[in-house]
Amino acid sequence: MMRVLSFSRMWAKLDNDTLTTFRFERKDKDWEVGEQVQMVFKARSPQRRVLGVAEIVDKTPRWVMNHPPGLGYAGYFNTPLVTEEEAVADGFSSREEMVKFIRKERRMLCVIKPLNKLTVRWLTKD
């Protein structure tokens, strides 16, 4: 069964052939390069709408915000922060706006875990 990559907003980037999105590592099975995913608007809402199918073509870890020394997974200490350019390309007006959005959605998780910067390419659009 194809997994769902859900969006809470109809971001302008969804019109692009290739786009990026930031997601936390999944507990059950993390996102994988080459995986095909169903792109959905508001997956757990009455407004649910299937947007199409895309393939994950790249996955790169990024911290969304600075974290205190000693916190986080040891293998990610050299992981770079999300840049201003990456945040804007992702649909935010600034990196600061992205940090506020992620903190609102995931609170402290963004301090102890990096995000996956996923690059996806549309295969079909509904």
C-alpha atoms as a PDB file:
ATOM      1  CA  MET A   1       0.000   0.000   0.000  1.00  0.00           C
ATOM      2  CA  MET A   2       1.312   3.438  -0.937  1.00  0.00           C
ATOM      3  CA  ARG A   3       2.007   5.782   1.964  1.00  0.00           C
ATOM      4  CA  VAL A   4       0.485   9.247   2.178  1.00  0.00           C
ATOM      5  CA  LEU A   5       2.445  12.487   2.198  1.00  0.00           C
ATOM      6  CA  SER A   6      -0.080  14.996   3.515  1.00  0.00           C
ATOM      7  CA  PHE A   7      -0.112  18.792   3.235  1.00  0.00           C
ATOM      8  CA  SER A   8      -2.087  21.094   5.512  1.00  0.00           C
ATOM      9  CA  ARG A   9      -1.987  23.992   3.042  1.00  0.00           C
ATOM     10  CA  MET A  10      -2.318  24.225  -0.724  1.00  0.00           C
ATOM     11  CA  TRP A  11       1.238  25.521  -1.085  1.00  0.00           C
ATOM     12  CA  ALA A  12       2.176  27.192  -4.402  1.00  0.00           C
ATOM     13  CA  LYS A  13       5.104  24.742  -4.608  1.00  0.00           C
ATOM     14  CA  LEU A  14       2.603  21.929  -5.283  1.00  0.00           C
ATOM     15  CA  ASP A  15       2.283  23.296  -8.836  1.00  0.00           C
ATOM     16  CA  ASN A  16       5.992  22.638  -9.522  1.00  0.00           C
ATOM     17  CA  ASP A  17       7.143  19.426 -11.246  1.00  0.00           C
ATOM     18  CA  THR A  18       9.691  18.916  -8.434  1.00  0.00           C
ATOM     19  CA  LEU A  19       9.352  20.325  -4.929  1.00  0.00           C
ATOM     20  CA  THR A  20      10.755  20.005  -1.442  1.00  0.00           C
ATOM     21  CA  THR A  21       8.989  19.349   1.803  1.00  0.00           C
ATOM     22  CA  PHE A  22      10.331  18.874   5.319  1.00  0.00           C
ATOM     23  CA  ARG A  23       9.208  15.911   7.419  1.00  0.00           C
ATOM     24  CA  PHE A  24      10.290  14.332  10.671  1.00  0.00           C
ATOM     25  CA  GLU A  25      11.565  10.777  10.615  1.00  0.00           C
ATOM     26  CA  ARG A  26       8.710   8.320  10.816  1.00  0.00           C
ATOM     27  CA  LYS A  27       8.596   5.859  13.719  1.00  0.00           C
ATOM     28  CA  ASP A  28       7.185   2.975  11.689  1.00  0.00           C
ATOM     29  CA  LYS A  29       9.305   3.337   8.535  1.00  0.00           C
ATOM     30  CA  ASP A  30      11.211   6.435   7.522  1.00  0.00           C
ATOM     31  CA  TRP A  31      10.818   8.012   4.100  1.00  0.00           C
ATOM     32  CA  GLU A  32      13.080   6.456   1.448  1.00  0.00           C
ATOM     33  CA  VAL A  33      14.559   7.692  -1.831  1.00  0.00           C
ATOM     34  CA  GLY A  34      12.772   5.893  -4.685  1.00  0.00           C
ATOM     35  CA  GLU A  35       9.570   5.463  -2.690  1.00  0.00           C
ATOM     36  CA  GLN A  36       6.326   6.456  -4.400  1.00  0.00           C
ATOM     37  CA  VAL A  37       3.892   8.365  -2.198  1.00  0.00           C
ATOM     38  CA  GLN A  38       0.322   9.542  -2.551  1.00  0.00           C
ATOM     39  CA  MET A  39       0.247  13.326  -2.198  1.00  0.00           C
ATOM     40  CA  VAL A  40      -2.850  14.408  -0.260  1.00  0.00           C
ATOM     41  CA  PHE A  41      -4.306  17.703   0.952  1.00  0.00           C
ATOM     42  CA  LYS A  42      -5.532  17.385   4.570  1.00  0.00           C
ATOM     43  CA  ALA A  43      -5.376  13.597   4.814  1.00  0.00           C
ATOM     44  CA  ARG A  44      -7.281  13.407   8.119  1.00  0.00           C
ATOM     45  CA  SER A  45      -9.987  15.932   7.352  1.00  0.00           C
ATOM     46  CA  PRO A  46     -13.390  16.014   5.672  1.00  0.00           C
ATOM     47  CA  GLN A  47     -11.688  18.300   3.119  1.00  0.00           C
ATOM     48  CA  ARG A  48      -9.308  15.437   2.144  1.00  0.00           C
ATOM     49  CA  ARG A  49      -8.282  15.591  -1.488  1.00  0.00           C
ATOM     50  CA  VAL A  50      -5.882  13.301  -3.349  1.00  0.00           C
ATOM     51  CA  LEU A  51      -3.481  15.440  -5.385  1.00  0.00           C
ATOM     52  CA  GLY A  52      -1.605  12.665  -7.193  1.00  0.00           C
ATOM     53  CA  VAL A  53       1.430  10.397  -6.916  1.00  0.00           C
ATOM     54  CA  ALA A  54       5.053  11.484  -6.536  1.00  0.00           C
ATOM     55  CA  GLU A  55       8.432   9.818  -6.094  1.00  0.00           C
ATOM     56  CA  ILE A  56      10.942  10.784  -3.424  1.00  0.00           C
ATOM     57  CA  VAL A  57      14.138  11.605  -5.348  1.00  0.00           C
ATOM     58  CA  ASP A  58      16.297  12.956  -2.513  1.00  0.00           C
ATOM     59  CA  LYS A  59      16.388  12.921   1.294  1.00  0.00           C
ATOM     60  CA  THR A  60      18.764  15.112   3.304  1.00  0.00           C
ATOM     61  CA  PRO A  61      18.710  15.765   7.077  1.00  0.00           C
ATOM     62  CA  ARG A  62      18.390  19.387   8.269  1.00  0.00           C
ATOM     63  CA  TRP A  63      17.943  20.951  11.692  1.00  0.00           C
ATOM     64  CA  VAL A  64      15.069  23.406  11.745  1.00  0.00           C
ATOM     65  CA  MET A  65      16.424  25.344  14.706  1.00  0.00           C
ATOM     66  CA  ASN A  66      19.519  25.556  16.845  1.00  0.00           C
ATOM     67  CA  HIS A  67      19.572  22.997  19.596  1.00  0.00           C
ATOM     68  CA  PRO A  68      21.417  23.011  22.923  1.00  0.00           C
ATOM     69  CA  PRO A  69      24.722  21.085  22.943  1.00  0.00           C
ATOM     70  CA  GLY A  70      24.225  17.469  23.936  1.00  0.00           C
ATOM     71  CA  LEU A  71      20.673  17.188  22.602  1.00  0.00           C
ATOM     72  CA  GLY A  72      19.811  15.303  19.456  1.00  0.00           C
ATOM     73  CA  TYR A  73      20.985  12.129  17.836  1.00  0.00           C
ATOM     74  CA  ALA A  74      24.755  11.736  17.887  1.00  0.00           C
ATOM     75  CA  GLY A  75      24.932  11.026  14.149  1.00  0.00           C
ATOM     76  CA  TYR A  76      23.403  14.393  13.327  1.00  0.00           C
ATOM     77  CA  PHE A  77      25.729  16.828  15.124  1.00  0.00           C
ATOM     78  CA  ASN A  78      27.222  18.009  11.822  1.00  0.00           C
ATOM     79  CA  THR A  79      23.831  18.328  10.123  1.00  0.00           C
ATOM     80  CA  PRO A  80      23.295  21.858   8.781  1.00  0.00           C
ATOM     81  CA  LEU A  81      20.402  24.121   9.660  1.00  0.00           C
ATOM     82  CA  VAL A  82      17.640  24.777   7.159  1.00  0.00           C
ATOM     83  CA  THR A  83      18.782  27.834   5.206  1.00  0.00           C
ATOM     84  CA  GLU A  84      16.762  30.957   4.499  1.00  0.00           C
ATOM     85  CA  GLU A  85      16.689  29.944   0.806  1.00  0.00           C
ATOM     86  CA  GLU A  86      15.397  26.432   1.615  1.00  0.00           C
ATOM     87  CA  ALA A  87      12.647  27.832   3.845  1.00  0.00           C
ATOM     88  CA  VAL A  88      11.520  30.292   1.140  1.00  0.00           C
ATOM     89  CA  ALA A  89      11.609  27.562  -1.538  1.00  0.00           C
ATOM     90  CA  ASP A  90       9.449  25.464   0.789  1.00  0.00           C
ATOM     91  CA  GLY A  91       6.753  28.158   0.757  1.00  0.00           C
ATOM     92  CA  PHE A  92       7.548  30.270   3.807  1.00  0.00           C
ATOM     93  CA  SER A  93       8.317  33.984   3.730  1.00  0.00           C
ATOM     94  CA  SER A  94      11.410  33.394   5.893  1.00  0.00           C
ATOM     95  CA  ARG A  95      13.278  30.804   7.927  1.00  0.00           C
ATOM     96  CA  GLU A  96      11.838  32.387  11.064  1.00  0.00           C
ATOM     97  CA  GLU A  97       8.275  31.800   9.799  1.00  0.00           C
ATOM     98  CA  MET A  98       9.160  28.164   9.101  1.00  0.00           C
ATOM     99  CA  VAL A  99      10.543  27.699  12.620  1.00  0.00           C
ATOM    100  CA  LYS A 100       7.333  29.147  14.110  1.00  0.00           C
ATOM    101  CA  PHE A 101       5.175  26.846  11.953  1.00  0.00           C
ATOM    102  CA  ILE A 102       7.149  23.715  12.868  1.00  0.00           C
ATOM    103  CA  ARG A 103       7.287  24.615  16.572  1.00  0.00           C
ATOM    104  CA  LYS A 104       3.517  25.156  16.587  1.00  0.00           C
ATOM    105  CA  GLU A 105       2.937  21.771  14.950  1.00  0.00           C
ATOM    106  CA  ARG A 106       5.620  19.680  16.676  1.00  0.00           C
ATOM    107  CA  ARG A 107       6.680  21.692  19.724  1.00  0.00           C
ATOM    108  CA  MET A 108       9.974  20.431  21.138  1.00  0.00           C
ATOM    109  CA  LEU A 109      10.512  17.619  18.624  1.00  0.00           C
ATOM    110  CA  CYS A 110      12.336  20.089  16.368  1.00  0.00           C
ATOM    111  CA  VAL A 111      14.979  20.596  19.079  1.00  0.00           C
ATOM    112  CA  ILE A 112      15.890  16.933  19.516  1.00  0.00           C
ATOM    113  CA  LYS A 113      15.449  15.567  15.978  1.00  0.00           C
ATOM    114  CA  PRO A 114      16.415  16.870  12.563  1.00  0.00           C
ATOM    115  CA  LEU A 115      13.938  17.037   9.720  1.00  0.00           C
ATOM    116  CA  ASN A 116      14.194  15.117   6.473  1.00  0.00           C
ATOM    117  CA  LYS A 117      14.340  17.529   3.546  1.00  0.00           C
ATOM    118  CA  LEU A 118      12.486  15.458   0.950  1.00  0.00           C
ATOM    119  CA  THR A 119      12.642  16.333  -2.726  1.00  0.00           C
ATOM    120  CA  VAL A 120       9.718  14.812  -4.592  1.00  0.00           C
ATOM    121  CA  ARG A 121       8.892  14.662  -8.290  1.00  0.00           C
ATOM    122  CA  TRP A 122       5.327  14.353  -9.478  1.00  0.00           C
ATOM    123  CA  LEU A 123       4.516  11.185 -11.435  1.00  0.00           C
ATOM    124  CA  THR A 124       0.790  11.877 -11.844  1.00  0.00           C
ATOM    125  CA  LYS A 125      -1.471  14.733 -10.777  1.00  0.00           C
ATOM    126  CA  ASP A 126      -5.176  14.203 -10.167  1.00  0.00           C
END
